[in-house]
C-alpha cells in the first residue's frame, strides 16, 4: 500500500514537496513550484489562490480547464493528485468548503 505525506494546516512546512515517498516508490506530481507554493499558502495561511486554483479546490474542473494556461492544462492531473494526496479534505472539495476554510475556524457562541 502506498501512503502519501499530507500538508498539515497546523504545522507549516510539513509538506515534503513535489515528490512524496510512499512505501517503496517516489511519486512525482509534475506540478510547478508556483502552484505548489500557492496551495501551501492556501492550506497553511488561508490565503486565497488565483481563479484557476480556486476552481480546482472547489472541484469545478470545467472552470479550471477554462482558466488554465498552457502549462497548467498539461499538469491538471498532477495538480488533482497533489490535492487528493497532500491537502486535508477539510480544505477543498466544494465551493462551500473552500469558502468556509478561507473564513477560518468559526467560534461557537
PDB file of N, CA and C in Angstrom:
ATOM      1  N   UNK A   1       0.837  -1.179   0.000  1.00  0.00           N
ATOM      2  CA  UNK A   1       0.000   0.000   0.000  1.00  0.00           C
ATOM      3  C   UNK A   1       0.881   1.241   0.000  1.00  0.00           C
ATOM      4  N   UNK A   2       0.533   2.220  -0.826  1.00  0.00           N
ATOM      5  CA  UNK A   2       1.296   3.456  -0.913  1.00  0.00           C
ATOM      6  C   UNK A   2       0.639   4.492  -0.030  1.00  0.00           C
ATOM      7  N   UNK A   3       1.424   5.132   0.824  1.00  0.00           N
ATOM      8  CA  UNK A   3       0.910   6.218   1.643  1.00  0.00           C
ATOM      9  C   UNK A   3       1.594   7.493   1.213  1.00  0.00           C
ATOM     10  N   UNK A   4       0.917   8.586   1.347  1.00  0.00           N
ATOM     11  CA  UNK A   4       1.436   9.870   0.920  1.00  0.00           C
ATOM     12  C   UNK A   4       1.523  10.805   2.107  1.00  0.00           C
ATOM     13  N   UNK A   5       2.440  11.774   2.021  1.00  0.00           N
ATOM     14  CA  UNK A   5       2.522  12.808   3.039  1.00  0.00           C
ATOM     15  C   UNK A   5       1.342  13.743   2.902  1.00  0.00           C
ATOM     16  N   UNK A   6       1.073  14.536   3.917  1.00  0.00           N
ATOM     17  CA  UNK A   6      -0.016  15.495   3.829  1.00  0.00           C
ATOM     18  C   UNK A   6       0.444  16.846   4.325  1.00  0.00           C
ATOM     19  N   UNK A   7      -0.141  17.865   3.738  1.00  0.00           N
ATOM     20  CA  UNK A   7       0.041  19.204   4.276  1.00  0.00           C
ATOM     21  C   UNK A   7      -0.789  19.274   5.536  1.00  0.00           C
ATOM     22  N   UNK A   8      -0.234  19.797   6.567  1.00  0.00           N
ATOM     23  CA  UNK A   8      -0.959  19.942   7.816  1.00  0.00           C
ATOM     24  C   UNK A   8      -1.105  21.428   8.085  1.00  0.00           C
ATOM     25  N   UNK A   9      -2.340  21.935   8.073  1.00  0.00           N
ATOM     26  CA  UNK A   9      -2.503  23.366   8.294  1.00  0.00           C
ATOM     27  C   UNK A   9      -2.011  23.819   9.663  1.00  0.00           C
ATOM     28  N   UNK A  10      -1.829  22.903  10.575  1.00  0.00           N
ATOM     29  CA  UNK A  10      -1.340  23.252  11.909  1.00  0.00           C
ATOM     30  C   UNK A  10       0.187  23.247  11.986  1.00  0.00           C
ATOM     31  N   UNK A  11       0.860  22.664  10.983  1.00  0.00           N
ATOM     32  CA  UNK A  11       2.306  22.543  11.005  1.00  0.00           C
ATOM     33  C   UNK A  11       2.897  23.103   9.720  1.00  0.00           C
ATOM     34  N   UNK A  12       3.175  24.424   9.663  1.00  0.00           N
ATOM     35  CA  UNK A  12       3.752  24.993   8.457  1.00  0.00           C
ATOM     36  C   UNK A  12       5.048  24.276   8.083  1.00  0.00           C
ATOM     37  N   UNK A  13       5.208  24.074   6.771  1.00  0.00           N
ATOM     38  CA  UNK A  13       6.417  23.447   6.271  1.00  0.00           C
ATOM     39  C   UNK A  13       6.432  21.937   6.413  1.00  0.00           C
ATOM     40  N   UNK A  14       5.282  21.328   6.733  1.00  0.00           N
ATOM     41  CA  UNK A  14       5.260  19.883   6.914  1.00  0.00           C
ATOM     42  C   UNK A  14       5.182  19.119   5.605  1.00  0.00           C
ATOM     43  N   UNK A  15       5.012  19.824   4.493  1.00  0.00           N
ATOM     44  CA  UNK A  15       4.885  19.174   3.199  1.00  0.00           C
ATOM     45  C   UNK A  15       6.245  18.742   2.666  1.00  0.00           C
ATOM     46  N   UNK A  16       6.360  17.507   2.164  1.00  0.00           N
ATOM     47  CA  UNK A  16       7.641  17.045   1.653  1.00  0.00           C
ATOM     48  C   UNK A  16       8.013  17.613   0.295  1.00  0.00           C
ATOM     49  N   UNK A  17       7.137  18.307  -0.389  1.00  0.00           N
ATOM     50  CA  UNK A  17       7.476  18.887  -1.684  1.00  0.00           C
ATOM     51  C   UNK A  17       6.800  18.172  -2.821  1.00  0.00           C
ATOM     52  N   UNK A  18       7.356  18.352  -4.020  1.00  0.00           N
ATOM     53  CA  UNK A  18       6.758  17.766  -5.217  1.00  0.00           C
ATOM     54  C   UNK A  18       6.740  16.247  -5.161  1.00  0.00           C
ATOM     55  N   UNK A  19       7.829  15.666  -4.720  1.00  0.00           N
ATOM     56  CA  UNK A  19       7.910  14.214  -4.662  1.00  0.00           C
ATOM     57  C   UNK A  19       7.524  13.758  -3.265  1.00  0.00           C
ATOM     58  N   UNK A  20       6.766  12.699  -3.235  1.00  0.00           N
ATOM     59  CA  UNK A  20       6.354  12.134  -1.965  1.00  0.00           C
ATOM     60  C   UNK A  20       6.822  10.698  -1.913  1.00  0.00           C
ATOM     61  N   UNK A  21       7.475  10.336  -0.837  1.00  0.00           N
ATOM     62  CA  UNK A  21       7.891   8.942  -0.671  1.00  0.00           C
ATOM     63  C   UNK A  21       6.726   8.182  -0.055  1.00  0.00           C
ATOM     64  N   UNK A  22       6.385   7.095  -0.661  1.00  0.00           N
ATOM     65  CA  UNK A  22       5.334   6.247  -0.134  1.00  0.00           C
ATOM     66  C   UNK A  22       5.739   4.809  -0.347  1.00  0.00           C
ATOM     67  N   UNK A  23       5.836   4.061   0.707  1.00  0.00           N
ATOM     68  CA  UNK A  23       6.253   2.669   0.552  1.00  0.00           C
ATOM     69  C   UNK A  23       7.598   2.598  -0.133  1.00  0.00           C
ATOM     70  N   UNK A  24       7.666   1.892  -1.239  1.00  0.00           N
ATOM     71  CA  UNK A  24       8.911   1.726  -1.974  1.00  0.00           C
ATOM     72  C   UNK A  24       8.959   2.576  -3.228  1.00  0.00           C
ATOM     73  N   UNK A  25       8.088   3.572  -3.361  1.00  0.00           N
ATOM     74  CA  UNK A  25       8.097   4.342  -4.588  1.00  0.00           C
ATOM     75  C   UNK A  25       8.068   5.829  -4.308  1.00  0.00           C
ATOM     76  N   UNK A  26       8.659   6.589  -5.213  1.00  0.00           N
ATOM     77  CA  UNK A  26       8.561   8.046  -5.188  1.00  0.00           C
ATOM     78  C   UNK A  26       7.468   8.429  -6.158  1.00  0.00           C
ATOM     79  N   UNK A  27       6.658   9.394  -5.795  1.00  0.00           N
ATOM     80  CA  UNK A  27       5.611   9.868  -6.684  1.00  0.00           C
ATOM     81  C   UNK A  27       5.906  11.312  -7.039  1.00  0.00           C
ATOM     82  N   UNK A  28       6.033  11.599  -8.312  1.00  0.00           N
ATOM     83  CA  UNK A  28       6.306  12.944  -8.795  1.00  0.00           C
ATOM     84  C   UNK A  28       5.013  13.516  -9.361  1.00  0.00           C
ATOM     85  N   UNK A  29       4.498  14.564  -8.737  1.00  0.00           N
ATOM     86  CA  UNK A  29       3.241  15.152  -9.175  1.00  0.00           C
ATOM     87  C   UNK A  29       3.379  15.971 -10.453  1.00  0.00           C
ATOM     88  N   UNK A  30       4.584  16.363 -10.827  1.00  0.00           N
ATOM     89  CA  UNK A  30       4.819  17.152 -12.033  1.00  0.00           C
ATOM     90  C   UNK A  30       4.007  18.443 -12.012  1.00  0.00           C
ATOM     91  N   UNK A  31       4.138  19.193 -10.911  1.00  0.00           N
ATOM     92  CA  UNK A  31       3.495  20.497 -10.827  1.00  0.00           C
ATOM     93  C   UNK A  31       4.576  21.548 -10.603  1.00  0.00           C
ATOM     94  N   UNK A  32       4.262  22.772 -10.982  1.00  0.00           N
ATOM     95  CA  UNK A  32       5.246  23.847 -10.877  1.00  0.00           C
ATOM     96  C   UNK A  32       5.420  24.296  -9.425  1.00  0.00           C
ATOM     97  N   UNK A  33       6.559  24.912  -9.167  1.00  0.00           N
ATOM     98  CA  UNK A  33       6.805  25.476  -7.834  1.00  0.00           C
ATOM     99  C   UNK A  33       5.733  26.485  -7.466  1.00  0.00           C
ATOM    100  N   UNK A  34       5.309  27.310  -8.425  1.00  0.00           N
ATOM    101  CA  UNK A  34       4.332  28.359  -8.107  1.00  0.00           C
ATOM    102  C   UNK A  34       2.982  27.762  -7.711  1.00  0.00           C
ATOM    103  N   UNK A  35       2.563  26.681  -8.355  1.00  0.00           N
ATOM    104  CA  UNK A  35       1.306  26.024  -7.984  1.00  0.00           C
ATOM    105  C   UNK A  35       1.430  25.400  -6.602  1.00  0.00           C
ATOM    106  N   UNK A  36       2.515  24.679  -6.369  1.00  0.00           N
ATOM    107  CA  UNK A  36       2.732  24.051  -5.063  1.00  0.00           C
ATOM    108  C   UNK A  36       2.769  25.100  -3.954  1.00  0.00           C
ATOM    109  N   UNK A  37       3.472  26.194  -4.189  1.00  0.00           N
ATOM    110  CA  UNK A  37       3.575  27.251  -3.179  1.00  0.00           C
ATOM    111  C   UNK A  37       2.227  27.918  -2.942  1.00  0.00           C
ATOM    112  N   UNK A  38       1.444  28.128  -3.990  1.00  0.00           N
ATOM    113  CA  UNK A  38       0.102  28.712  -3.824  1.00  0.00           C
ATOM    114  C   UNK A  38      -0.788  27.799  -2.996  1.00  0.00           C
ATOM    115  N   UNK A  39      -0.720  26.502  -3.252  1.00  0.00           N
ATOM    116  CA  UNK A  39      -1.514  25.553  -2.468  1.00  0.00           C
ATOM    117  C   UNK A  39      -1.041  25.499  -1.021  1.00  0.00           C
ATOM    118  N   UNK A  40       0.262  25.574  -0.804  1.00  0.00           N
ATOM    119  CA  UNK A  40       0.784  25.594   0.570  1.00  0.00           C
ATOM    120  C   UNK A  40       0.320  26.849   1.308  1.00  0.00           C
ATOM    121  N   UNK A  41       0.367  28.017   0.646  1.00  0.00           N
ATOM    122  CA  UNK A  41      -0.109  29.261   1.286  1.00  0.00           C
ATOM    123  C   UNK A  41      -1.593  29.158   1.624  1.00  0.00           C
ATOM    124  N   UNK A  42      -2.355  28.542   0.719  1.00  0.00           N
ATOM    125  CA  UNK A  42      -3.784  28.363   0.960  1.00  0.00           C
ATOM    126  C   UNK A  42      -4.006  27.508   2.210  1.00  0.00           C
ATOM    127  N   UNK A  43      -3.335  26.371   2.297  1.00  0.00           N
ATOM    128  CA  UNK A  43      -3.542  25.450   3.414  1.00  0.00           C
ATOM    129  C   UNK A  43      -2.990  26.024   4.715  1.00  0.00           C
ATOM    130  N   UNK A  44      -1.777  26.528   4.681  1.00  0.00           N
ATOM    131  CA  UNK A  44      -1.107  26.932   5.911  1.00  0.00           C
ATOM    132  C   UNK A  44      -1.536  28.302   6.423  1.00  0.00           C
ATOM    133  N   UNK A  45      -1.909  29.210   5.506  1.00  0.00           N
ATOM    134  CA  UNK A  45      -2.201  30.584   5.920  1.00  0.00           C
ATOM    135  C   UNK A  45      -3.575  31.084   5.478  1.00  0.00           C
ATOM    136  N   UNK A  46      -4.344  30.205   4.822  1.00  0.00           N
ATOM    137  CA  UNK A  46      -5.695  30.552   4.339  1.00  0.00           C
ATOM    138  C   UNK A  46      -5.667  31.742   3.378  1.00  0.00           C
ATOM    139  N   UNK A  47      -4.639  31.771   2.515  1.00  0.00           N
ATOM    140  CA  UNK A  47      -4.522  32.822   1.500  1.00  0.00           C
ATOM    141  C   UNK A  47      -5.154  32.308   0.217  1.00  0.00           C
ATOM    142  N   UNK A  48      -6.125  33.058  -0.283  1.00  0.00           N
ATOM    143  CA  UNK A  48      -6.854  32.645  -1.479  1.00  0.00           C
ATOM    144  C   UNK A  48      -5.946  32.660  -2.705  1.00  0.00           C
ATOM    145  N   UNK A  49      -5.887  31.532  -3.430  1.00  0.00           N
ATOM    146  CA  UNK A  49      -5.094  31.497  -4.660  1.00  0.00           C
ATOM    147  C   UNK A  49      -5.873  32.133  -5.809  1.00  0.00           C
ATOM    148  N   UNK A  50      -5.292  32.125  -6.995  1.00  0.00           N
ATOM    149  CA  UNK A  50      -5.947  32.677  -8.176  1.00  0.00           C
ATOM    150  C   UNK A  50      -7.127  31.836  -8.632  1.00  0.00           C
ATOM    151  N   UNK A  51      -7.794  32.331  -9.680  1.00  0.00           N
ATOM    152  CA  UNK A  51      -9.016  31.707 -10.173  1.00  0.00           C
ATOM    153  C   UNK A  51      -8.857  30.263 -10.610  1.00  0.00           C
ATOM    154  N   UNK A  52      -7.752  29.927 -11.250  1.00  0.00           N
ATOM    155  CA  UNK A  52      -7.519  28.558 -11.688  1.00  0.00           C
ATOM    156  C   UNK A  52      -7.483  27.601 -10.491  1.00  0.00           C
ATOM    157  N   UNK A  53      -6.670  27.915  -9.485  1.00  0.00           N
ATOM    158  CA  UNK A  53      -6.587  27.036  -8.319  1.00  0.00           C
ATOM    159  C   UNK A  53      -7.863  27.068  -7.481  1.00  0.00           C
ATOM    160  N   UNK A  54      -8.532  28.203  -7.431  1.00  0.00           N
ATOM    161  CA  UNK A  54      -9.813  28.250  -6.710  1.00  0.00           C
ATOM    162  C   UNK A  54     -10.806  27.297  -7.365  1.00  0.00           C
ATOM    163  N   UNK A  55     -10.809  27.240  -8.685  1.00  0.00           N
ATOM    164  CA  UNK A  55     -11.698  26.308  -9.389  1.00  0.00           C
ATOM    165  C   UNK A  55     -11.302  24.861  -9.079  1.00  0.00           C
ATOM    166  N   UNK A  56      -9.999  24.574  -9.069  1.00  0.00           N
ATOM    167  CA  UNK A  56      -9.539  23.214  -8.722  1.00  0.00           C
ATOM    168  C   UNK A  56      -9.950  22.857  -7.305  1.00  0.00           C
ATOM    169  N   UNK A  57      -9.690  23.752  -6.354  1.00  0.00           N
ATOM    170  CA  UNK A  57     -10.019  23.490  -4.956  1.00  0.00           C
ATOM    171  C   UNK A  57     -11.520  23.313  -4.759  1.00  0.00           C
ATOM    172  N   UNK A  58     -12.308  24.010  -5.562  1.00  0.00           N
ATOM    173  CA  UNK A  58     -13.766  23.935  -5.468  1.00  0.00           C
ATOM    174  C   UNK A  58     -14.336  22.732  -6.207  1.00  0.00           C
ATOM    175  N   UNK A  59     -13.448  21.919  -6.797  1.00  0.00           N
ATOM    176  CA  UNK A  59     -13.842  20.727  -7.540  1.00  0.00           C
ATOM    177  C   UNK A  59     -14.663  21.085  -8.776  1.00  0.00           C
ATOM    178  N   UNK A  60     -14.344  22.238  -9.373  1.00  0.00           N
ATOM    179  CA  UNK A  60     -15.013  22.689 -10.583  1.00  0.00           C
ATOM    180  C   UNK A  60     -13.996  22.627 -11.717  1.00  0.00           C
ATOM    181  N   UNK A  61     -13.820  21.434 -12.253  1.00  0.00           N
ATOM    182  CA  UNK A  61     -12.767  21.256 -13.247  1.00  0.00           C
ATOM    183  C   UNK A  61     -13.158  21.792 -14.612  1.00  0.00           C
ATOM    184  N   UNK A  62     -14.437  22.025 -14.874  1.00  0.00           N
ATOM    185  CA  UNK A  62     -14.828  22.719 -16.108  1.00  0.00           C
ATOM    186  C   UNK A  62     -14.280  24.143 -16.060  1.00  0.00           C
ATOM    187  N   UNK A  63     -14.461  24.801 -14.939  1.00  0.00           N
ATOM    188  CA  UNK A  63     -13.928  26.154 -14.750  1.00  0.00           C
ATOM    189  C   UNK A  63     -12.405  26.144 -14.748  1.00  0.00           C
ATOM    190  N   UNK A  64     -11.815  25.159 -14.107  1.00  0.00           N
ATOM    191  CA  UNK A  64     -10.352  25.075 -14.056  1.00  0.00           C
ATOM    192  C   UNK A  64      -9.766  24.946 -15.454  1.00  0.00           C
ATOM    193  N   UNK A  65     -10.353  24.101 -16.275  1.00  0.00           N
ATOM    194  CA  UNK A  65      -9.859  23.932 -17.646  1.00  0.00           C
ATOM    195  C   UNK A  65      -9.977  25.238 -18.413  1.00  0.00           C
ATOM    196  N   UNK A  66     -11.062  25.965 -18.211  1.00  0.00           N
ATOM    197  CA  UNK A  66     -11.236  27.228 -18.942  1.00  0.00           C
ATOM    198  C   UNK A  66     -10.274  28.310 -18.457  1.00  0.00           C
ATOM    199  N   UNK A  67      -9.785  28.210 -17.229  1.00  0.00           N
ATOM    200  CA  UNK A  67      -8.870  29.215 -16.679  1.00  0.00           C
ATOM    201  C   UNK A  67      -7.395  28.833 -16.788  1.00  0.00           C
ATOM    202  N   UNK A  68      -7.112  27.582 -17.096  1.00  0.00           N
ATOM    203  CA  UNK A  68      -5.728  27.095 -17.105  1.00  0.00           C
ATOM    204  C   UNK A  68      -4.927  27.684 -18.268  1.00  0.00           C
ATOM    205  N   UNK A  69      -3.661  27.992 -17.983  1.00  0.00           N
ATOM    206  CA  UNK A  69      -2.759  28.362 -19.070  1.00  0.00           C
ATOM    207  C   UNK A  69      -2.223  27.075 -19.703  1.00  0.00           C
ATOM    208  N   UNK A  70      -1.426  27.207 -20.742  1.00  0.00           N
ATOM    209  CA  UNK A  70      -0.940  26.031 -21.468  1.00  0.00           C
ATOM    210  C   UNK A  70      -0.080  25.126 -20.589  1.00  0.00           C
ATOM    211  N   UNK A  71       0.647  25.697 -19.659  1.00  0.00           N
ATOM    212  CA  UNK A  71       1.477  24.908 -18.754  1.00  0.00           C
ATOM    213  C   UNK A  71       0.613  24.067 -17.815  1.00  0.00           C
ATOM    214  N   UNK A  72      -0.363  24.710 -17.181  1.00  0.00           N
ATOM    215  CA  UNK A  72      -1.169  24.026 -16.167  1.00  0.00           C
ATOM    216  C   UNK A  72      -2.207  23.088 -16.755  1.00  0.00           C
ATOM    217  N   UNK A  73      -2.682  23.346 -17.963  1.00  0.00           N
ATOM    218  CA  UNK A  73      -3.643  22.421 -18.569  1.00  0.00           C
ATOM    219  C   UNK A  73      -3.002  21.049 -18.752  1.00  0.00           C
ATOM    220  N   UNK A  74      -1.709  21.044 -19.031  1.00  0.00           N
ATOM    221  CA  UNK A  74      -0.993  19.781 -19.213  1.00  0.00           C
ATOM    222  C   UNK A  74      -0.680  19.101 -17.880  1.00  0.00           C
ATOM    223  N   UNK A  75      -0.785  19.830 -16.797  1.00  0.00           N
ATOM    224  CA  UNK A  75      -0.447  19.302 -15.483  1.00  0.00           C
ATOM    225  C   UNK A  75      -1.657  19.191 -14.549  1.00  0.00           C
ATOM    226  N   UNK A  76      -2.827  19.283 -15.122  1.00  0.00           N
ATOM    227  CA  UNK A  76      -4.042  19.253 -14.315  1.00  0.00           C
ATOM    228  C   UNK A  76      -4.174  17.941 -13.534  1.00  0.00           C
ATOM    229  N   UNK A  77      -3.792  16.831 -14.134  1.00  0.00           N
ATOM    230  CA  UNK A  77      -3.848  15.546 -13.433  1.00  0.00           C
ATOM    231  C   UNK A  77      -2.927  15.563 -12.217  1.00  0.00           C
ATOM    232  N   UNK A  78      -1.710  16.075 -12.372  1.00  0.00           N
ATOM    233  CA  UNK A  78      -0.771  16.142 -11.255  1.00  0.00           C
ATOM    234  C   UNK A  78      -1.276  17.048 -10.146  1.00  0.00           C
ATOM    235  N   UNK A  79      -1.897  18.156 -10.522  1.00  0.00           N
ATOM    236  CA  UNK A  79      -2.453  19.079  -9.528  1.00  0.00           C
ATOM    237  C   UNK A  79      -3.573  18.394  -8.754  1.00  0.00           C
ATOM    238  N   UNK A  80      -4.438  17.686  -9.473  1.00  0.00           N
ATOM    239  CA  UNK A  80      -5.535  16.979  -8.824  1.00  0.00           C
ATOM    240  C   UNK A  80      -5.004  15.892  -7.893  1.00  0.00           C
ATOM    241  N   UNK A  81      -4.003  15.136  -8.347  1.00  0.00           N
ATOM    242  CA  UNK A  81      -3.423  14.099  -7.494  1.00  0.00           C
ATOM    243  C   UNK A  81      -2.746  14.699  -6.268  1.00  0.00           C
ATOM    244  N   UNK A  82      -2.067  15.826  -6.447  1.00  0.00           N
ATOM    245  CA  UNK A  82      -1.437  16.518  -5.321  1.00  0.00           C
ATOM    246  C   UNK A  82      -2.505  16.906  -4.293  1.00  0.00           C
ATOM    247  N   UNK A  83      -3.607  17.478  -4.780  1.00  0.00           N
ATOM    248  CA  UNK A  83      -4.678  17.878  -3.873  1.00  0.00           C
ATOM    249  C   UNK A  83      -5.248  16.667  -3.135  1.00  0.00           C
ATOM    250  N   UNK A  84      -5.501  15.588  -3.853  1.00  0.00           N
ATOM    251  CA  UNK A  84      -6.080  14.383  -3.236  1.00  0.00           C
ATOM    252  C   UNK A  84      -5.167  13.771  -2.180  1.00  0.00           C
ATOM    253  N   UNK A  85      -3.871  13.822  -2.420  1.00  0.00           N
ATOM    254  CA  UNK A  85      -2.928  13.119  -1.555  1.00  0.00           C
ATOM    255  C   UNK A  85      -2.213  13.994  -0.538  1.00  0.00           C
ATOM    256  N   UNK A  86      -2.189  15.296  -0.745  1.00  0.00           N
ATOM    257  CA  UNK A  86      -1.375  16.165   0.097  1.00  0.00           C
ATOM    258  C   UNK A  86      -2.165  17.211   0.875  1.00  0.00           C
ATOM    259  N   UNK A  87      -3.397  17.457   0.510  1.00  0.00           N
ATOM    260  CA  UNK A  87      -4.171  18.530   1.141  1.00  0.00           C
ATOM    261  C   UNK A  87      -5.303  17.912   1.960  1.00  0.00           C
ATOM    262  N   UNK A  88      -5.445  18.314   3.214  1.00  0.00           N
ATOM    263  CA  UNK A  88      -6.517  17.775   4.050  1.00  0.00           C
ATOM    264  C   UNK A  88      -7.897  18.020   3.424  1.00  0.00           C
ATOM    265  N   UNK A  89      -8.770  17.054   3.580  1.00  0.00           N
ATOM    266  CA  UNK A  89     -10.102  17.132   2.964  1.00  0.00           C
ATOM    267  C   UNK A  89     -10.945  18.289   3.504  1.00  0.00           C
ATOM    268  N   UNK A  90     -10.635  18.797   4.682  1.00  0.00           N
ATOM    269  CA  UNK A  90     -11.422  19.918   5.205  1.00  0.00           C
ATOM    270  C   UNK A  90     -11.083  21.235   4.517  1.00  0.00           C
ATOM    271  N   UNK A  91     -10.143  21.212   3.566  1.00  0.00           N
ATOM    272  CA  UNK A  91      -9.692  22.425   2.887  1.00  0.00           C
ATOM    273  C   UNK A  91     -10.241  22.582   1.478  1.00  0.00           C
ATOM    274  N   UNK A  92     -10.790  21.539   0.898  1.00  0.00           N
ATOM    275  CA  UNK A  92     -11.192  21.618  -0.501  1.00  0.00           C
ATOM    276  C   UNK A  92     -12.277  20.589  -0.809  1.00  0.00           C
ATOM    277  N   UNK A  93     -12.862  20.691  -2.004  1.00  0.00           N
ATOM    278  CA  UNK A  93     -13.842  19.706  -2.449  1.00  0.00           C
ATOM    279  C   UNK A  93     -15.135  20.297  -2.956  1.00  0.00           C
ATOM    280  N   UNK A  94     -15.469  21.498  -2.510  1.00  0.00           N
ATOM    281  CA  UNK A  94     -16.672  22.183  -2.986  1.00  0.00           C
ATOM    282  C   UNK A  94     -16.494  23.680  -2.743  1.00  0.00           C
ATOM    283  N   UNK A  95     -17.267  24.509  -3.443  1.00  0.00           N
ATOM    284  CA  UNK A  95     -17.175  25.954  -3.197  1.00  0.00           C
ATOM    285  C   UNK A  95     -17.477  26.311  -1.736  1.00  0.00           C
ATOM    286  N   UNK A  96     -18.407  25.594  -1.125  1.00  0.00           N
ATOM    287  CA  UNK A  96     -18.780  25.877   0.259  1.00  0.00           C
ATOM    288  C   UNK A  96     -17.645  25.543   1.225  1.00  0.00           C
ATOM    289  N   UNK A  97     -16.985  24.422   0.998  1.00  0.00           N
ATOM    290  CA  UNK A  97     -15.868  24.032   1.864  1.00  0.00           C
ATOM    291  C   UNK A  97     -14.727  25.035   1.732  1.00  0.00           C
ATOM    292  N   UNK A  98     -14.411  25.424   0.504  1.00  0.00           N
ATOM    293  CA  UNK A  98     -13.324  26.379   0.272  1.00  0.00           C
ATOM    294  C   UNK A  98     -13.658  27.722   0.916  1.00  0.00           C
ATOM    295  N   UNK A  99     -14.869  28.199   0.725  1.00  0.00           N
ATOM    296  CA  UNK A  99     -15.283  29.469   1.322  1.00  0.00           C
ATOM    297  C   UNK A  99     -15.202  29.417   2.845  1.00  0.00           C
ATOM    298  N   UNK A 100     -15.687  28.338   3.428  1.00  0.00           N
ATOM    299  CA  UNK A 100     -15.626  28.180   4.878  1.00  0.00           C
ATOM    300  C   UNK A 100     -14.202  28.098   5.380  1.00  0.00           C
ATOM    301  N   UNK A 101     -13.331  27.404   4.639  1.00  0.00           N
ATOM    302  CA  UNK A 101     -11.935  27.279   5.054  1.00  0.00           C
ATOM    303  C   UNK A 101     -11.239  28.644   5.026  1.00  0.00           C
ATOM    304  N   UNK A 102     -11.507  29.423   3.986  1.00  0.00           N
ATOM    305  CA  UNK A 102     -10.885  30.743   3.872  1.00  0.00           C
ATOM    306  C   UNK A 102     -11.322  31.673   4.998  1.00  0.00           C
ATOM    307  N   UNK A 103     -12.552  31.509   5.472  1.00  0.00           N
ATOM    308  CA  UNK A 103     -13.049  32.349   6.558  1.00  0.00           C
ATOM    309  C   UNK A 103     -12.412  32.006   7.888  1.00  0.00           C
ATOM    310  N   UNK A 104     -11.877  30.793   8.005  1.00  0.00           N
ATOM    311  CA  UNK A 104     -11.210  30.389   9.230  1.00  0.00           C
ATOM    312  C   UNK A 104     -12.144  29.674  10.166  1.00  0.00           C
ATOM    313  N   UNK A 105     -11.605  29.214  11.279  1.00  0.00           N
ATOM    314  CA  UNK A 105     -12.414  28.486  12.263  1.00  0.00           C
ATOM    315  C   UNK A 105     -13.554  29.375  12.790  1.00  0.00           C
ATOM    316  N   UNK A 106     -14.706  28.776  12.905  1.00  0.00           N
ATOM    317  CA  UNK A 106     -15.869  29.500  13.417  1.00  0.00           C
ATOM    318  C   UNK A 106     -15.906  29.357  14.934  1.00  0.00           C
ATOM    319  N   UNK A 107     -16.071  30.470  15.604  1.00  0.00           N
ATOM    320  CA  UNK A 107     -16.201  30.406  17.061  1.00  0.00           C
ATOM    321  C   UNK A 107     -17.629  30.046  17.422  1.00  0.00           C
ATOM    322  N   UNK A 108     -17.760  29.244  18.442  1.00  0.00           N
ATOM    323  CA  UNK A 108     -19.091  28.865  18.896  1.00  0.00           C
ATOM    324  C   UNK A 108     -19.568  29.898  19.893  1.00  0.00           C
ATOM    325  N   UNK A 109     -20.797  30.369  19.697  1.00  0.00           N
ATOM    326  CA  UNK A 109     -21.241  31.417  20.561  1.00  0.00           C
ATOM    327  C   UNK A 109     -22.534  31.159  21.128  1.00  0.00           C
TER     328      UNK A 109
END
